[in-house]
Amino acid sequence: MNIRASLVIRSLCILALVSAVVVGVLQQGAVAQARIEHQALLKDGEEVERLTHENTAIAPLRATNELVMGLRQKQRELARLRNEVVQLQAQAAEAAKLAAENQRLASFQNSGAPAETNAVPANFMPRAAMTDMGLGSPEAAVQTYLYAMFQGDVKRVLQCQSMQANLTPEQEEDQSGSLRREFAVFPGFIIAETNIISPDEEQVGIQASPGGVIFPIHLIRNGNEWNVK
């Protein structure tokens, strides 16, 4: 074999070796890439499994959260109803005091006893002269409140108050009848005293008759209106 043939053979061997090395490198790169992709797929699978597990755990938490929110709503509703009951109880107590005074006056009139020696003050507002004066001032609010009471106008009575109550038609009818009965002999009223607590709060004392019991009515300002507290 001559030298040229030997060189050719050597070159071919070298090329074959290089090709083998390149193929090996490429195969190793492909394997490495496959491993990377496999690891990524494993991580994705783990993430999917984790999210699936979390979603499964979240479902009862959502139900619990909805239950808690429902309970909180019921608690707020219960607090509102309690406030309305307190307001109605205060109103009933006030009406009972005025009713007792009215009964005293009715008993006095039916007994045929001589008229009281106390002269009727100039600021006495007789029942027949009372009207709905609106809520623009404490004095007007007091007259409107008492006028609505002996008229049995439950809606207007509630509008005069600072805390609103929601009554059913049956409750309104019952309250209206009670007010009409309790204030059947209501003669009128006198503003006997006024206590200015602040520019937005006053307490007015009224009498159903000269020299009678003084009933306090607490009022607060809401915007341009005065309401019974």
C-alpha atoms as a PDB file:
ATOM      1  CA  MET A   1       0.000   0.000   0.000  1.00  0.00           C
ATOM      2  CA  ASN A   2       1.463   3.281  -0.998  1.00  0.00           C
ATOM      3  CA  ILE A   3       1.630   6.344   1.261  1.00  0.00           C
ATOM      4  CA  ARG A   4      -1.297   8.180  -0.452  1.00  0.00           C
ATOM      5  CA  ALA A   5      -3.642   5.228   0.105  1.00  0.00           C
ATOM      6  CA  SER A   6      -2.552   5.018   3.711  1.00  0.00           C
ATOM      7  CA  LEU A   7      -3.320   8.700   4.236  1.00  0.00           C
ATOM      8  CA  VAL A   8      -6.764   8.355   2.687  1.00  0.00           C
ATOM      9  CA  ILE A   9      -7.565   5.417   4.894  1.00  0.00           C
ATOM     10  CA  ARG A  10      -6.351   7.350   7.960  1.00  0.00           C
ATOM     11  CA  SER A  11      -8.465  10.362   7.002  1.00  0.00           C
ATOM     12  CA  LEU A  12     -11.533   8.204   6.588  1.00  0.00           C
ATOM     13  CA  CYS A  13     -10.919   6.661   9.991  1.00  0.00           C
ATOM     14  CA  ILE A  14     -10.563  10.088  11.540  1.00  0.00           C
ATOM     15  CA  LEU A  15     -13.808  11.250   9.870  1.00  0.00           C
ATOM     16  CA  ALA A  16     -15.596   8.172  11.075  1.00  0.00           C
ATOM     17  CA  LEU A  17     -14.310   8.739  14.591  1.00  0.00           C
ATOM     18  CA  VAL A  18     -15.340  12.412  14.524  1.00  0.00           C
ATOM     19  CA  SER A  19     -18.749  11.439  13.190  1.00  0.00           C
ATOM     20  CA  ALA A  20     -19.149   8.920  15.968  1.00  0.00           C
ATOM     21  CA  VAL A  21     -18.146  11.497  18.542  1.00  0.00           C
ATOM     22  CA  VAL A  22     -20.583  14.070  17.072  1.00  0.00           C
ATOM     23  CA  VAL A  23     -23.376  11.517  17.019  1.00  0.00           C
ATOM     24  CA  GLY A  24     -22.579  10.601  20.623  1.00  0.00           C
ATOM     25  CA  VAL A  25     -22.626  14.237  21.692  1.00  0.00           C
ATOM     26  CA  LEU A  26     -25.906  14.809  19.887  1.00  0.00           C
ATOM     27  CA  GLN A  27     -27.392  11.738  21.494  1.00  0.00           C
ATOM     28  CA  GLN A  28     -26.227  12.863  24.935  1.00  0.00           C
ATOM     29  CA  GLY A  29     -27.754  16.316  24.306  1.00  0.00           C
ATOM     30  CA  ALA A  30     -31.026  14.733  23.236  1.00  0.00           C
ATOM     31  CA  VAL A  31     -31.031  12.545  26.335  1.00  0.00           C
ATOM     32  CA  ALA A  32     -30.292  15.552  28.555  1.00  0.00           C
ATOM     33  CA  GLN A  33     -33.072  17.539  26.896  1.00  0.00           C
ATOM     34  CA  ALA A  34     -35.425  14.610  27.297  1.00  0.00           C
ATOM     35  CA  ARG A  35     -34.510  14.413  30.963  1.00  0.00           C
ATOM     36  CA  ILE A  36     -35.183  18.151  31.382  1.00  0.00           C
ATOM     37  CA  GLU A  37     -38.533  17.827  29.658  1.00  0.00           C
ATOM     38  CA  HIS A  38     -39.329  14.777  31.766  1.00  0.00           C
ATOM     39  CA  GLN A  39     -38.500  16.670  34.961  1.00  0.00           C
ATOM     40  CA  ALA A  40     -40.680  19.596  33.789  1.00  0.00           C
ATOM     41  CA  LEU A  41     -43.541  17.221  33.070  1.00  0.00           C
ATOM     42  CA  LEU A  42     -43.116  15.680  36.507  1.00  0.00           C
ATOM     43  CA  LYS A  43     -43.228  19.124  38.112  1.00  0.00           C
ATOM     44  CA  ASP A  44     -46.283  20.049  36.064  1.00  0.00           C
ATOM     45  CA  GLY A  45     -47.918  16.814  37.152  1.00  0.00           C
ATOM     46  CA  GLU A  46     -47.086  17.535  40.785  1.00  0.00           C
ATOM     47  CA  GLU A  47     -48.472  21.088  40.424  1.00  0.00           C
ATOM     48  CA  VAL A  48     -51.669  19.746  38.869  1.00  0.00           C
ATOM     49  CA  GLU A  49     -51.994  17.227  41.681  1.00  0.00           C
ATOM     50  CA  ARG A  50     -51.351  19.924  44.300  1.00  0.00           C
ATOM     51  CA  LEU A  51     -53.913  22.297  42.773  1.00  0.00           C
ATOM     52  CA  THR A  52     -56.434  19.487  42.513  1.00  0.00           C
ATOM     53  CA  HIS A  53     -55.892  18.695  46.179  1.00  0.00           C
ATOM     54  CA  GLU A  54     -56.204  22.372  47.144  1.00  0.00           C
ATOM     55  CA  ASN A  55     -59.418  22.757  45.155  1.00  0.00           C
ATOM     56  CA  THR A  56     -60.793  19.691  46.889  1.00  0.00           C
ATOM     57  CA  ALA A  57     -59.875  21.227  50.257  1.00  0.00           C
ATOM     58  CA  ILE A  58     -61.237  24.668  49.299  1.00  0.00           C
ATOM     59  CA  ALA A  59     -64.760  23.375  48.604  1.00  0.00           C
ATOM     60  CA  PRO A  60     -65.627  22.735  52.284  1.00  0.00           C
ATOM     61  CA  LEU A  61     -63.877  25.994  53.229  1.00  0.00           C
ATOM     62  CA  ARG A  62     -66.133  27.866  50.829  1.00  0.00           C
ATOM     63  CA  ALA A  63     -69.165  26.185  52.328  1.00  0.00           C
ATOM     64  CA  THR A  64     -67.946  27.093  55.816  1.00  0.00           C
ATOM     65  CA  ASN A  65     -67.326  30.691  54.745  1.00  0.00           C
ATOM     66  CA  GLU A  66     -70.830  30.940  53.302  1.00  0.00           C
ATOM     67  CA  LEU A  67     -72.218  29.543  56.551  1.00  0.00           C
ATOM     68  CA  VAL A  68     -70.259  32.095  58.607  1.00  0.00           C
ATOM     69  CA  MET A  69     -71.444  34.949  56.396  1.00  0.00           C
ATOM     70  CA  GLY A  70     -75.020  33.718  56.747  1.00  0.00           C
ATOM     71  CA  LEU A  71     -74.668  33.632  60.539  1.00  0.00           C
ATOM     72  CA  ARG A  72     -73.228  37.142  60.560  1.00  0.00           C
ATOM     73  CA  GLN A  73     -76.140  38.380  58.483  1.00  0.00           C
ATOM     74  CA  LYS A  74     -78.553  36.759  60.918  1.00  0.00           C
ATOM     75  CA  GLN A  75     -76.714  38.381  63.834  1.00  0.00           C
ATOM     76  CA  ARG A  76     -77.031  41.802  62.188  1.00  0.00           C
ATOM     77  CA  GLU A  77     -80.721  41.173  61.558  1.00  0.00           C
ATOM     78  CA  LEU A  78     -81.156  40.068  65.179  1.00  0.00           C
ATOM     79  CA  ALA A  79     -79.430  43.232  66.414  1.00  0.00           C
ATOM     80  CA  ARG A  80     -81.712  45.362  64.221  1.00  0.00           C
ATOM     81  CA  LEU A  81     -84.800  43.582  65.549  1.00  0.00           C
ATOM     82  CA  ARG A  82     -83.581  44.038  69.122  1.00  0.00           C
ATOM     83  CA  ASN A  83     -83.169  47.763  68.514  1.00  0.00           C
ATOM     84  CA  GLU A  84     -86.684  47.927  67.101  1.00  0.00           C
ATOM     85  CA  VAL A  85     -88.036  46.071  70.141  1.00  0.00           C
ATOM     86  CA  VAL A  86     -86.241  48.486  72.493  1.00  0.00           C
ATOM     87  CA  GLN A  87     -87.641  51.427  70.556  1.00  0.00           C
ATOM     88  CA  LEU A  88     -91.175  50.023  70.614  1.00  0.00           C
ATOM     89  CA  GLN A  89     -90.880  49.270  74.328  1.00  0.00           C
ATOM     90  CA  ALA A  90     -89.803  52.854  75.014  1.00  0.00           C
ATOM     91  CA  GLN A  91     -92.668  54.121  72.894  1.00  0.00           C
ATOM     92  CA  ALA A  92     -95.107  51.828  74.720  1.00  0.00           C
ATOM     93  CA  ALA A  93     -93.826  53.044  78.108  1.00  0.00           C
ATOM     94  CA  GLU A  94     -94.270  56.649  77.062  1.00  0.00           C
ATOM     95  CA  ALA A  95     -97.737  55.950  75.704  1.00  0.00           C
ATOM     96  CA  ALA A  96     -98.660  54.141  78.946  1.00  0.00           C
ATOM     97  CA  LYS A  97     -97.656  57.195  81.006  1.00  0.00           C
ATOM     98  CA  LEU A  98     -99.711  59.494  78.833  1.00  0.00           C
ATOM     99  CA  ALA A  99    -102.607  57.012  78.923  1.00  0.00           C
ATOM    100  CA  ALA A 100    -102.482  57.003  82.734  1.00  0.00           C
ATOM    101  CA  GLU A 101    -102.626  60.795  82.750  1.00  0.00           C
ATOM    102  CA  ASN A 102    -105.518  60.685  80.294  1.00  0.00           C
ATOM    103  CA  GLN A 103    -107.388  58.251  82.537  1.00  0.00           C
ATOM    104  CA  ARG A 104    -106.800  60.535  85.501  1.00  0.00           C
ATOM    105  CA  LEU A 105    -108.253  63.427  83.561  1.00  0.00           C
ATOM    106  CA  ALA A 106    -111.201  61.320  82.391  1.00  0.00           C
ATOM    107  CA  SER A 107    -111.919  60.196  85.960  1.00  0.00           C
ATOM    108  CA  PHE A 108    -111.750  63.771  87.137  1.00  0.00           C
ATOM    109  CA  GLN A 109    -114.196  64.890  84.441  1.00  0.00           C
ATOM    110  CA  ASN A 110    -116.620  62.016  85.099  1.00  0.00           C
ATOM    111  CA  SER A 111    -116.601  62.602  88.854  1.00  0.00           C
ATOM    112  CA  GLY A 112    -118.288  65.976  88.474  1.00  0.00           C
ATOM    113  CA  ALA A 113    -115.612  67.577  90.640  1.00  0.00           C
ATOM    114  CA  PRO A 114    -115.122  71.303  90.300  1.00  0.00           C
ATOM    115  CA  ALA A 115    -112.687  72.540  87.722  1.00  0.00           C
ATOM    116  CA  GLU A 116    -109.034  72.727  88.687  1.00  0.00           C
ATOM    117  CA  THR A 117    -107.998  76.001  90.154  1.00  0.00           C
ATOM    118  CA  ASN A 118    -104.910  76.183  87.913  1.00  0.00           C
ATOM    119  CA  ALA A 119    -105.625  78.467  84.997  1.00  0.00           C
ATOM    120  CA  VAL A 120    -104.894  77.116  81.530  1.00  0.00           C
ATOM    121  CA  PRO A 121    -101.534  78.584  80.438  1.00  0.00           C
ATOM    122  CA  ALA A 122    -101.326  80.622  77.265  1.00  0.00           C
ATOM    123  CA  ASN A 123     -98.947  78.048  75.743  1.00  0.00           C
ATOM    124  CA  PHE A 124    -101.381  75.151  76.208  1.00  0.00           C
ATOM    125  CA  MET A 125    -101.991  73.470  72.842  1.00  0.00           C
ATOM    126  CA  PRO A 126    -105.504  71.917  72.879  1.00  0.00           C
ATOM    127  CA  ARG A 127    -106.116  68.690  71.017  1.00  0.00           C
ATOM    128  CA  ALA A 128    -108.523  70.314  68.573  1.00  0.00           C
ATOM    129  CA  ALA A 129    -105.889  72.848  67.485  1.00  0.00           C
ATOM    130  CA  MET A 130    -103.087  70.333  66.971  1.00  0.00           C
ATOM    131  CA  THR A 131    -101.901  69.519  63.439  1.00  0.00           C
ATOM    132  CA  ASP A 132     -98.949  67.901  61.685  1.00  0.00           C
ATOM    133  CA  MET A 133     -96.352  70.669  61.966  1.00  0.00           C
ATOM    134  CA  GLY A 134     -93.542  68.731  60.322  1.00  0.00           C
ATOM    135  CA  LEU A 135     -90.173  68.022  61.921  1.00  0.00           C
ATOM    136  CA  GLY A 136     -88.368  71.296  61.276  1.00  0.00           C
ATOM    137  CA  SER A 137     -87.948  72.221  64.969  1.00  0.00           C
ATOM    138  CA  PRO A 138     -88.110  70.415  68.331  1.00  0.00           C
ATOM    139  CA  GLU A 139     -91.439  72.072  69.180  1.00  0.00           C
ATOM    140  CA  ALA A 140     -92.948  71.188  65.798  1.00  0.00           C
ATOM    141  CA  ALA A 141     -91.636  67.603  66.054  1.00  0.00           C
ATOM    142  CA  VAL A 142     -93.225  67.175  69.513  1.00  0.00           C
ATOM    143  CA  GLN A 143     -96.625  68.362  68.277  1.00  0.00           C
ATOM    144  CA  THR A 144     -96.407  66.220  65.122  1.00  0.00           C
ATOM    145  CA  TYR A 145     -95.431  63.188  67.197  1.00  0.00           C
ATOM    146  CA  LEU A 146     -98.313  63.584  69.669  1.00  0.00           C
ATOM    147  CA  TYR A 147    -100.763  64.432  66.881  1.00  0.00           C
ATOM    148  CA  ALA A 148     -99.820  61.248  65.007  1.00  0.00           C
ATOM    149  CA  MET A 149    -100.262  59.258  68.226  1.00  0.00           C
ATOM    150  CA  PHE A 150    -103.829  60.291  69.021  1.00  0.00           C
ATOM    151  CA  GLN A 151    -104.694  60.030  65.324  1.00  0.00           C
ATOM    152  CA  GLY A 152    -103.430  56.438  65.373  1.00  0.00           C
ATOM    153  CA  ASP A 153    -101.145  57.222  62.413  1.00  0.00           C
ATOM    154  CA  VAL A 154     -98.477  54.572  63.041  1.00  0.00           C
ATOM    155  CA  LYS A 155     -96.504  55.362  59.868  1.00  0.00           C
ATOM    156  CA  ARG A 156     -96.168  59.011  60.876  1.00  0.00           C
ATOM    157  CA  VAL A 157     -95.243  58.035  64.430  1.00  0.00           C
ATOM    158  CA  LEU A 158     -92.405  55.904  63.065  1.00  0.00           C
ATOM    159  CA  GLN A 159     -91.307  58.729  60.739  1.00  0.00           C
ATOM    160  CA  CYS A 160     -91.004  60.964  63.789  1.00  0.00           C
ATOM    161  CA  GLN A 161     -88.554  58.577  65.415  1.00  0.00           C
ATOM    162  CA  SER A 162     -84.815  58.448  64.831  1.00  0.00           C
ATOM    163  CA  MET A 163     -84.786  54.653  64.524  1.00  0.00           C
ATOM    164  CA  GLN A 164     -87.136  53.215  61.940  1.00  0.00           C
ATOM    165  CA  ALA A 165     -89.058  49.990  62.542  1.00  0.00           C
ATOM    166  CA  ASN A 166     -90.604  47.750  59.914  1.00  0.00           C
ATOM    167  CA  LEU A 167     -94.076  46.618  60.935  1.00  0.00           C
ATOM    168  CA  THR A 168     -96.408  44.281  59.130  1.00  0.00           C
ATOM    169  CA  PRO A 169     -99.849  45.637  58.144  1.00  0.00           C
ATOM    170  CA  GLU A 170    -101.385  43.610  60.989  1.00  0.00           C
ATOM    171  CA  GLN A 171     -98.922  45.108  63.501  1.00  0.00           C
ATOM    172  CA  GLU A 172     -99.628  48.607  62.212  1.00  0.00           C
ATOM    173  CA  GLU A 173    -103.362  48.052  62.598  1.00  0.00           C
ATOM    174  CA  ASP A 174    -102.930  46.758  66.162  1.00  0.00           C
ATOM    175  CA  GLN A 175    -100.660  49.666  67.089  1.00  0.00           C
ATOM    176  CA  SER A 176    -103.085  52.144  65.531  1.00  0.00           C
ATOM    177  CA  GLY A 177    -105.994  50.796  67.575  1.00  0.00           C
ATOM    178  CA  SER A 178    -103.929  50.853  70.772  1.00  0.00           C
ATOM    179  CA  LEU A 179    -102.851  54.466  70.214  1.00  0.00           C
ATOM    180  CA  ARG A 180    -106.406  55.605  69.506  1.00  0.00           C
ATOM    181  CA  ARG A 181    -107.661  53.963  72.696  1.00  0.00           C
ATOM    182  CA  GLU A 182    -104.830  55.256  74.877  1.00  0.00           C
ATOM    183  CA  PHE A 183    -105.141  58.810  73.583  1.00  0.00           C
ATOM    184  CA  ALA A 184    -108.946  58.876  73.407  1.00  0.00           C
ATOM    185  CA  VAL A 185    -109.187  61.590  76.088  1.00  0.00           C
ATOM    186  CA  PHE A 186    -105.857  63.270  75.389  1.00  0.00           C
ATOM    187  CA  PRO A 187    -106.709  66.981  75.915  1.00  0.00           C
ATOM    188  CA  GLY A 188    -103.575  68.572  74.506  1.00  0.00           C
ATOM    189  CA  PHE A 189    -100.182  69.457  75.901  1.00  0.00           C
ATOM    190  CA  ILE A 190     -97.919  72.114  77.323  1.00  0.00           C
ATOM    191  CA  ILE A 191     -94.179  72.347  76.783  1.00  0.00           C
ATOM    192  CA  ALA A 192     -93.274  72.722  80.450  1.00  0.00           C
ATOM    193  CA  GLU A 193     -89.502  72.704  80.111  1.00  0.00           C
ATOM    194  CA  THR A 194     -86.752  72.533  77.516  1.00  0.00           C
ATOM    195  CA  ASN A 195     -83.234  71.252  78.104  1.00  0.00           C
ATOM    196  CA  ILE A 196     -80.802  72.057  75.278  1.00  0.00           C
ATOM    197  CA  ILE A 197     -78.125  69.373  75.448  1.00  0.00           C
ATOM    198  CA  SER A 198     -76.311  70.426  72.260  1.00  0.00           C
ATOM    199  CA  PRO A 199     -77.172  72.201  68.995  1.00  0.00           C
ATOM    200  CA  ASP A 200     -78.344  68.827  67.689  1.00  0.00           C
ATOM    201  CA  GLU A 201     -79.964  67.397  70.819  1.00  0.00           C
ATOM    202  CA  GLU A 202     -82.737  68.578  73.139  1.00  0.00           C
ATOM    203  CA  GLN A 203     -85.000  67.147  75.799  1.00  0.00           C
ATOM    204  CA  VAL A 204     -88.491  68.619  75.955  1.00  0.00           C
ATOM    205  CA  GLY A 205     -90.761  68.064  78.955  1.00  0.00           C
ATOM    206  CA  ILE A 206     -94.498  68.079  78.220  1.00  0.00           C
ATOM    207  CA  GLN A 207     -97.607  68.042  80.414  1.00  0.00           C
ATOM    208  CA  ALA A 208    -101.025  66.791  79.359  1.00  0.00           C
ATOM    209  CA  SER A 209    -102.603  69.201  81.843  1.00  0.00           C
ATOM    210  CA  PRO A 210    -101.436  72.205  83.878  1.00  0.00           C
ATOM    211  CA  GLY A 211     -99.597  70.984  86.935  1.00  0.00           C
ATOM    212  CA  GLY A 212     -99.642  67.382  85.710  1.00  0.00           C
ATOM    213  CA  VAL A 213     -96.822  64.911  85.354  1.00  0.00           C
ATOM    214  CA  ILE A 214     -93.979  66.055  83.098  1.00  0.00           C
ATOM    215  CA  PHE A 215     -93.121  63.530  80.378  1.00  0.00           C
ATOM    216  CA  PRO A 216     -89.630  63.911  78.830  1.00  0.00           C
ATOM    217  CA  ILE A 217     -89.270  63.588  75.061  1.00  0.00           C
ATOM    218  CA  HIS A 218     -85.682  63.269  73.815  1.00  0.00           C
ATOM    219  CA  LEU A 219     -85.038  64.700  70.350  1.00  0.00           C
ATOM    220  CA  ILE A 220     -82.026  64.682  68.035  1.00  0.00           C
ATOM    221  CA  ARG A 221     -81.408  66.498  64.779  1.00  0.00           C
ATOM    222  CA  ASN A 222     -80.995  64.457  61.595  1.00  0.00           C
ATOM    223  CA  GLY A 223     -80.154  66.880  58.796  1.00  0.00           C
ATOM    224  CA  ASN A 224     -83.034  69.346  58.634  1.00  0.00           C
ATOM    225  CA  GLU A 225     -85.365  67.248  60.777  1.00  0.00           C
ATOM    226  CA  TRP A 226     -85.769  66.654  64.503  1.00  0.00           C
ATOM    227  CA  ASN A 227     -86.637  63.100  65.521  1.00  0.00           C
ATOM    228  CA  VAL A 228     -87.718  61.481  68.765  1.00  0.00           C
ATOM    229  CA  LYS A 229     -84.881  59.335  70.074  1.00  0.00           C
END
